[in-house]
C-alpha atoms as a PDB file:
ATOM      1  CA  MET A   1      21.112  13.540 -30.943  1.00  0.00           C
ATOM      2  CA  ARG A   2      18.484  11.127 -32.283  1.00  0.00           C
ATOM      3  CA  LEU A   3      19.434   8.543 -29.669  1.00  0.00           C
ATOM      4  CA  LYS A   4      18.892  11.092 -26.881  1.00  0.00           C
ATOM      5  CA  LEU A   5      15.503  12.003 -28.334  1.00  0.00           C
ATOM      6  CA  LEU A   6      14.510   8.346 -28.580  1.00  0.00           C
ATOM      7  CA  ILE A   7      15.567   7.739 -24.968  1.00  0.00           C
ATOM      8  CA  LEU A   8      13.615  10.813 -23.824  1.00  0.00           C
ATOM      9  CA  VAL A   9      10.472   9.588 -25.613  1.00  0.00           C
ATOM     10  CA  LEU A  10      10.818   6.109 -24.078  1.00  0.00           C
ATOM     11  CA  VAL A  11      11.356   7.566 -20.597  1.00  0.00           C
ATOM     12  CA  LEU A  12       8.288   9.798 -20.936  1.00  0.00           C
ATOM     13  CA  GLN A  13       6.106   6.930 -22.184  1.00  0.00           C
ATOM     14  CA  THR A  14       7.280   4.690 -19.362  1.00  0.00           C
ATOM     15  CA  ALA A  15       6.688   7.428 -16.784  1.00  0.00           C
ATOM     16  CA  TRP A  16       3.168   8.005 -18.130  1.00  0.00           C
ATOM     17  CA  LEU A  17       2.368   4.285 -18.022  1.00  0.00           C
ATOM     18  CA  LEU A  18       3.736   3.830 -14.498  1.00  0.00           C
ATOM     19  CA  GLY A  19       1.923   6.983 -13.330  1.00  0.00           C
ATOM     20  CA  THR A  20      -1.382   5.665 -14.673  1.00  0.00           C
ATOM     21  CA  VAL A  21      -0.927   2.321 -12.928  1.00  0.00           C
ATOM     22  CA  ALA A  22       0.127   4.006  -9.677  1.00  0.00           C
ATOM     23  CA  ARG A  23      -2.930   6.276  -9.762  1.00  0.00           C
ATOM     24  CA  GLN A  24      -5.299   3.311 -10.261  1.00  0.00           C
ATOM     25  CA  GLU A  25      -3.624   1.321  -7.484  1.00  0.00           C
ATOM     26  CA  GLN A  26      -3.743   4.281  -5.113  1.00  0.00           C
ATOM     27  CA  LEU A  27      -7.482   4.649  -5.702  1.00  0.00           C
ATOM     28  CA  LEU A  28      -8.031   0.933  -5.107  1.00  0.00           C
ATOM     29  CA  GLN A  29      -6.060   1.085  -1.841  1.00  0.00           C
ATOM     30  CA  THR A  30      -7.283   4.414  -0.414  1.00  0.00           C
ATOM     31  CA  GLY A  31     -10.737   4.967  -1.945  1.00  0.00           C
ATOM     32  CA  GLN A  32     -13.788   4.412   0.220  1.00  0.00           C
ATOM     33  CA  THR A  33     -15.495   1.155  -0.712  1.00  0.00           C
ATOM     34  CA  VAL A  34     -19.204   0.883  -1.498  1.00  0.00           C
ATOM     35  CA  LEU A  35     -21.320  -2.038  -2.680  1.00  0.00           C
ATOM     36  CA  LEU A  36     -23.704  -1.426  -5.588  1.00  0.00           C
ATOM     37  CA  GLU A  37     -26.499  -3.603  -6.899  1.00  0.00           C
ATOM     38  CA  THR A  38     -26.516  -4.182 -10.649  1.00  0.00           C
ATOM     39  CA  ARG A  39     -27.758  -6.421 -13.429  1.00  0.00           C
ATOM     40  CA  PRO A  40     -25.818  -7.592 -16.493  1.00  0.00           C
ATOM     41  CA  VAL A  41     -26.503  -6.477 -20.064  1.00  0.00           C
ATOM     42  CA  ASP A  42     -24.807  -7.330 -23.446  1.00  0.00           C
ATOM     43  CA  PRO A  43     -22.039  -9.729 -22.382  1.00  0.00           C
ATOM     44  CA  ARG A  44     -20.086  -9.992 -25.674  1.00  0.00           C
ATOM     45  CA  ASP A  45     -18.161  -7.610 -27.923  1.00  0.00           C
ATOM     46  CA  PRO A  46     -16.533  -9.116 -31.025  1.00  0.00           C
ATOM     47  CA  LEU A  47     -13.571  -6.706 -30.865  1.00  0.00           C
ATOM     48  CA  ARG A  48     -12.912  -6.575 -27.108  1.00  0.00           C
ATOM     49  CA  GLY A  49     -13.972 -10.063 -26.013  1.00  0.00           C
ATOM     50  CA  ASP A  50     -16.257 -11.082 -23.170  1.00  0.00           C
ATOM     51  CA  PHE A  51     -17.369  -8.525 -20.669  1.00  0.00           C
ATOM     52  CA  VAL A  52     -20.301  -7.865 -18.435  1.00  0.00           C
ATOM     53  CA  ARG A  53     -22.011  -4.525 -19.077  1.00  0.00           C
ATOM     54  CA  LEU A  54     -23.293  -3.298 -15.742  1.00  0.00           C
ATOM     55  CA  ASN A  55     -26.405  -1.211 -15.207  1.00  0.00           C
ATOM     56  CA  TYR A  56     -26.554   0.130 -11.650  1.00  0.00           C
ATOM     57  CA  GLY A  57     -29.512   1.205  -9.568  1.00  0.00           C
ATOM     58  CA  ILE A  58     -27.678   4.526  -9.174  1.00  0.00           C
ATOM     59  CA  SER A  59     -27.493   4.982 -12.963  1.00  0.00           C
ATOM     60  CA  ASP A  60     -30.996   6.437 -13.332  1.00  0.00           C
ATOM     61  CA  ILE A  61     -31.449   9.532 -11.177  1.00  0.00           C
ATOM     62  CA  ALA A  62     -34.947  10.967 -10.820  1.00  0.00           C
ATOM     63  CA  GLY A  63     -35.222  14.653 -11.667  1.00  0.00           C
ATOM     64  CA  GLY A  64     -36.623  15.317  -8.182  1.00  0.00           C
ATOM     65  CA  GLN A  65     -33.324  14.220  -6.615  1.00  0.00           C
ATOM     66  CA  PHE A  66     -31.424  17.126  -8.212  1.00  0.00           C
ATOM     67  CA  THR A  67     -30.549  20.179  -6.145  1.00  0.00           C
ATOM     68  CA  PRO A  68     -31.092  22.756  -7.486  1.00  0.00           C
ATOM     69  CA  PRO A  69     -33.941  21.367  -9.619  1.00  0.00           C
ATOM     70  CA  LEU A  70     -33.120  20.832 -13.277  1.00  0.00           C
ATOM     71  CA  PRO A  71     -34.719  23.517 -15.452  1.00  0.00           C
ATOM     72  CA  GLN A  72     -34.446  21.293 -18.554  1.00  0.00           C
ATOM     73  CA  ASP A  73     -32.921  18.039 -19.800  1.00  0.00           C
ATOM     74  CA  LEU A  74     -29.199  17.682 -19.294  1.00  0.00           C
ATOM     75  CA  PRO A  75     -27.157  17.437 -22.469  1.00  0.00           C
ATOM     76  CA  PRO A  76     -25.134  14.233 -22.866  1.00  0.00           C
ATOM     77  CA  GLY A  77     -21.743  14.539 -21.192  1.00  0.00           C
ATOM     78  CA  ALA A  78     -22.785  17.036 -18.500  1.00  0.00           C
ATOM     79  CA  LYS A  79     -20.994  16.453 -15.184  1.00  0.00           C
ATOM     80  CA  VAL A  80     -23.208  15.058 -12.431  1.00  0.00           C
ATOM     81  CA  TRP A  81     -22.351  14.490  -8.775  1.00  0.00           C
ATOM     82  CA  VAL A  82     -24.422  11.875  -6.943  1.00  0.00           C
ATOM     83  CA  ALA A  83     -24.487  11.433  -3.163  1.00  0.00           C
ATOM     84  CA  LEU A  84     -24.763   7.783  -2.096  1.00  0.00           C
ATOM     85  CA  ALA A  85     -25.852   6.422   1.270  1.00  0.00           C
ATOM     86  CA  PRO A  86     -26.229   2.871   2.620  1.00  0.00           C
ATOM     87  CA  ALA A  87     -29.650   1.387   1.909  1.00  0.00           C
ATOM     88  CA  GLY A  88     -31.267  -1.191   4.158  1.00  0.00           C
ATOM     89  CA  THR A  89     -29.516  -4.249   5.530  1.00  0.00           C
ATOM     90  CA  ASN A  90     -28.084  -5.709   2.302  1.00  0.00           C
ATOM     91  CA  GLY A  91     -25.002  -3.453   2.415  1.00  0.00           C
ATOM     92  CA  CYS A  92     -25.728  -1.834  -0.949  1.00  0.00           C
ATOM     93  CA  TRP A  93     -25.686   1.929  -1.442  1.00  0.00           C
ATOM     94  CA  GLN A  94     -28.262   4.040  -3.272  1.00  0.00           C
ATOM     95  CA  ALA A  95     -28.500   7.540  -4.698  1.00  0.00           C
ATOM     96  CA  VAL A  96     -30.021  10.019  -2.244  1.00  0.00           C
ATOM     97  CA  ARG A  97     -29.406  13.326  -4.045  1.00  0.00           C
ATOM     98  CA  ALA A  98     -27.669  14.700  -7.114  1.00  0.00           C
ATOM     99  CA  SER A  99     -26.445  17.950  -8.597  1.00  0.00           C
ATOM    100  CA  THR A 100     -24.774  19.377 -11.671  1.00  0.00           C
ATOM    101  CA  GLN A 101     -22.496  21.246  -9.253  1.00  0.00           C
ATOM    102  CA  SER A 102     -19.953  19.709  -6.895  1.00  0.00           C
ATOM    103  CA  LEU A 103     -21.586  18.247  -3.760  1.00  0.00           C
ATOM    104  CA  GLU A 104     -20.200  17.980  -0.253  1.00  0.00           C
ATOM    105  CA  PRO A 105     -21.068  14.621   1.301  1.00  0.00           C
ATOM    106  CA  ALA A 106     -23.214  14.678   4.423  1.00  0.00           C
ATOM    107  CA  VAL A 107     -22.388  12.363   7.322  1.00  0.00           C
ATOM    108  CA  GLY A 108     -22.588   8.755   6.119  1.00  0.00           C
ATOM    109  CA  GLU A 109     -22.583   9.711   2.437  1.00  0.00           C
ATOM    110  CA  ILE A 110     -20.098   9.348  -0.401  1.00  0.00           C
ATOM    111  CA  VAL A 111     -20.176  11.499  -3.529  1.00  0.00           C
ATOM    112  CA  VAL A 112     -19.453   9.844  -6.869  1.00  0.00           C
ATOM    113  CA  ARG A 113     -18.907  11.792 -10.090  1.00  0.00           C
ATOM    114  CA  GLY A 114     -20.359  10.815 -13.446  1.00  0.00           C
ATOM    115  CA  LYS A 115     -21.611  12.186 -16.736  1.00  0.00           C
ATOM    116  CA  SER A 116     -25.143  12.351 -18.060  1.00  0.00           C
ATOM    117  CA  ALA A 117     -25.730   9.947 -20.904  1.00  0.00           C
ATOM    118  CA  TRP A 118     -29.276  10.962 -21.746  1.00  0.00           C
ATOM    119  CA  SER A 119     -32.475  12.273 -20.158  1.00  0.00           C
ATOM    120  CA  TRP A 120     -36.068  11.313 -20.695  1.00  0.00           C
ATOM    121  CA  HIS A 121     -39.483  12.366 -19.530  1.00  0.00           C
ATOM    122  CA  ASN A 122     -41.212   9.500 -17.787  1.00  0.00           C
ATOM    123  CA  GLY A 123     -43.044  11.412 -15.095  1.00  0.00           C
ATOM    124  CA  ASN A 124     -39.931  12.138 -13.055  1.00  0.00           C
ATOM    125  CA  GLY A 125     -37.565  13.509 -15.727  1.00  0.00           C
ATOM    126  CA  SER A 126     -34.882  10.909 -14.997  1.00  0.00           C
ATOM    127  CA  VAL A 127     -31.271  11.336 -16.051  1.00  0.00           C
ATOM    128  CA  HIS A 128     -29.125   8.335 -16.955  1.00  0.00           C
ATOM    129  CA  VAL A 129     -25.643   8.785 -15.444  1.00  0.00           C
ATOM    130  CA  GLU A 130     -22.513   6.843 -16.376  1.00  0.00           C
ATOM    131  CA  TYR A 131     -19.642   6.630 -13.894  1.00  0.00           C
ATOM    132  CA  GLY A 132     -16.991   4.862 -15.978  1.00  0.00           C
ATOM    133  CA  ILE A 133     -17.630   1.559 -14.181  1.00  0.00           C
ATOM    134  CA  GLU A 134     -20.193   0.109 -16.567  1.00  0.00           C
ATOM    135  CA  SER A 135     -17.975  -2.591 -18.132  1.00  0.00           C
ATOM    136  CA  TYR A 136     -16.236  -5.491 -16.405  1.00  0.00           C
ATOM    137  CA  PHE A 137     -13.994  -7.582 -18.652  1.00  0.00           C
ATOM    138  CA  VAL A 138     -13.906 -11.316 -17.940  1.00  0.00           C
ATOM    139  CA  ALA A 139     -12.234 -14.479 -19.210  1.00  0.00           C
ATOM    140  CA  GLU A 140     -13.523 -15.778 -22.539  1.00  0.00           C
ATOM    141  CA  GLY A 141     -16.693 -17.802 -22.201  1.00  0.00           C
ATOM    142  CA  THR A 142     -17.558 -16.446 -18.737  1.00  0.00           C
ATOM    143  CA  GLY A 143     -19.607 -13.400 -19.715  1.00  0.00           C
ATOM    144  CA  HIS A 144     -22.979 -14.967 -18.887  1.00  0.00           C
ATOM    145  CA  PRO A 145     -23.338 -14.916 -15.104  1.00  0.00           C
ATOM    146  CA  THR A 146     -26.534 -16.187 -13.520  1.00  0.00           C
ATOM    147  CA  GLY A 147     -27.545 -14.893 -10.134  1.00  0.00           C
ATOM    148  CA  LYS A 148     -27.670 -11.568  -8.320  1.00  0.00           C
ATOM    149  CA  LEU A 149     -24.743  -9.306  -9.220  1.00  0.00           C
ATOM    150  CA  THR A 150     -23.238  -6.789  -6.832  1.00  0.00           C
ATOM    151  CA  VAL A 151     -20.155  -4.691  -7.446  1.00  0.00           C
ATOM    152  CA  GLN A 152     -17.625  -3.457  -4.896  1.00  0.00           C
ATOM    153  CA  VAL A 153     -16.459  -0.005  -5.993  1.00  0.00           C
ATOM    154  CA  ALA A 154     -13.681   2.219  -4.613  1.00  0.00           C
ATOM    155  CA  VAL A 155     -14.543   5.927  -4.665  1.00  0.00           C
ATOM    156  CA  ALA A 156     -11.849   8.616  -4.346  1.00  0.00           C
ATOM    157  CA  LYS A 157     -12.462  11.924  -2.587  1.00  0.00           C
ATOM    158  CA  SER A 158     -12.633  13.500  -6.057  1.00  0.00           C
ATOM    159  CA  GLY A 159     -15.662  11.300  -6.839  1.00  0.00           C
ATOM    160  CA  ARG A 160     -13.844   9.071  -9.313  1.00  0.00           C
ATOM    161  CA  ALA A 161     -14.936   5.431  -9.081  1.00  0.00           C
ATOM    162  CA  ILE A 162     -13.231   2.165 -10.013  1.00  0.00           C
ATOM    163  CA  ILE A 163     -14.432  -1.443  -9.775  1.00  0.00           C
ATOM    164  CA  LYS A 164     -12.653  -3.473  -7.103  1.00  0.00           C
ATOM    165  CA  GLN A 165     -14.587  -6.713  -7.401  1.00  0.00           C
ATOM    166  CA  VAL A 166     -17.790  -8.186  -8.836  1.00  0.00           C
ATOM    167  CA  PHE A 167     -19.841 -10.722  -6.903  1.00  0.00           C
ATOM    168  CA  VAL A 168     -22.448 -13.245  -8.051  1.00  0.00           C
ATOM    169  CA  ASP A 169     -24.829 -14.179  -5.233  1.00  0.00           C
ATOM    170  CA  GLY A 170     -22.281 -12.821  -2.735  1.00  0.00           C
ATOM    171  CA  LYS A 171     -19.327 -14.859  -4.075  1.00  0.00           C
ATOM    172  CA  PRO A 172     -16.440 -13.446  -6.166  1.00  0.00           C
ATOM    173  CA  TYR A 173     -17.192 -13.566  -9.899  1.00  0.00           C
ATOM    174  CA  ALA A 174     -14.030 -15.494 -10.833  1.00  0.00           C
ATOM    175  CA  GLU A 175     -14.787 -18.129  -8.185  1.00  0.00           C
ATOM    176  CA  VAL A 176     -18.369 -18.647  -9.395  1.00  0.00           C
ATOM    177  CA  VAL A 177     -17.601 -18.837 -13.120  1.00  0.00           C
ATOM    178  CA  GLY A 178     -14.486 -20.924 -12.457  1.00  0.00           C
ATOM    179  CA  ALA A 179     -16.587 -23.495 -10.579  1.00  0.00           C
ATOM    180  CA  SER A 180     -19.167 -23.555 -13.378  1.00  0.00           C
ATOM    181  CA  ARG A 181     -16.460 -24.183 -16.044  1.00  0.00           C
ATOM    182  CA  SER A 182     -14.774 -27.067 -14.202  1.00  0.00           C
ATOM    183  CA  PRO A 183     -15.227 -30.485 -15.906  1.00  0.00           C
END
């Protein structure tokens, strides 16, 4: 009896792990890809190792971009949907509108889902939104990139986002830091 229970627990844990991996891979393969401009912050954590903390241009949403308008500050953790559209000729996307209710993307837009981290009054009542793509873990000793960072992100129809690749001055991160570490 105990052996059957142990086998059942192992099967369930394995199924959960494989399901999680399959879900991530499916998003990477089928999600629509966007390029976001960012800048690094805090590249070291003593418990988790080197990483690049990413702060996106789409992370701070002006209060005037919300439809319907926000009557007050959003509490931390409130769901936020942000519509992104291509900006200019650099291939990066920017926030064009936001809502605390689910948004339908207009032609040429993608909607990404996040959570409010905090709000502040700086003339436009901005809301800081986190999308779950703010950390990018890297090899030890490579958490200090120099140059312009851009991030390629896959976005599912549900609005969930995942990092596909990080670029430094248009080149893949691993390639740039690998070249800088060579003797």
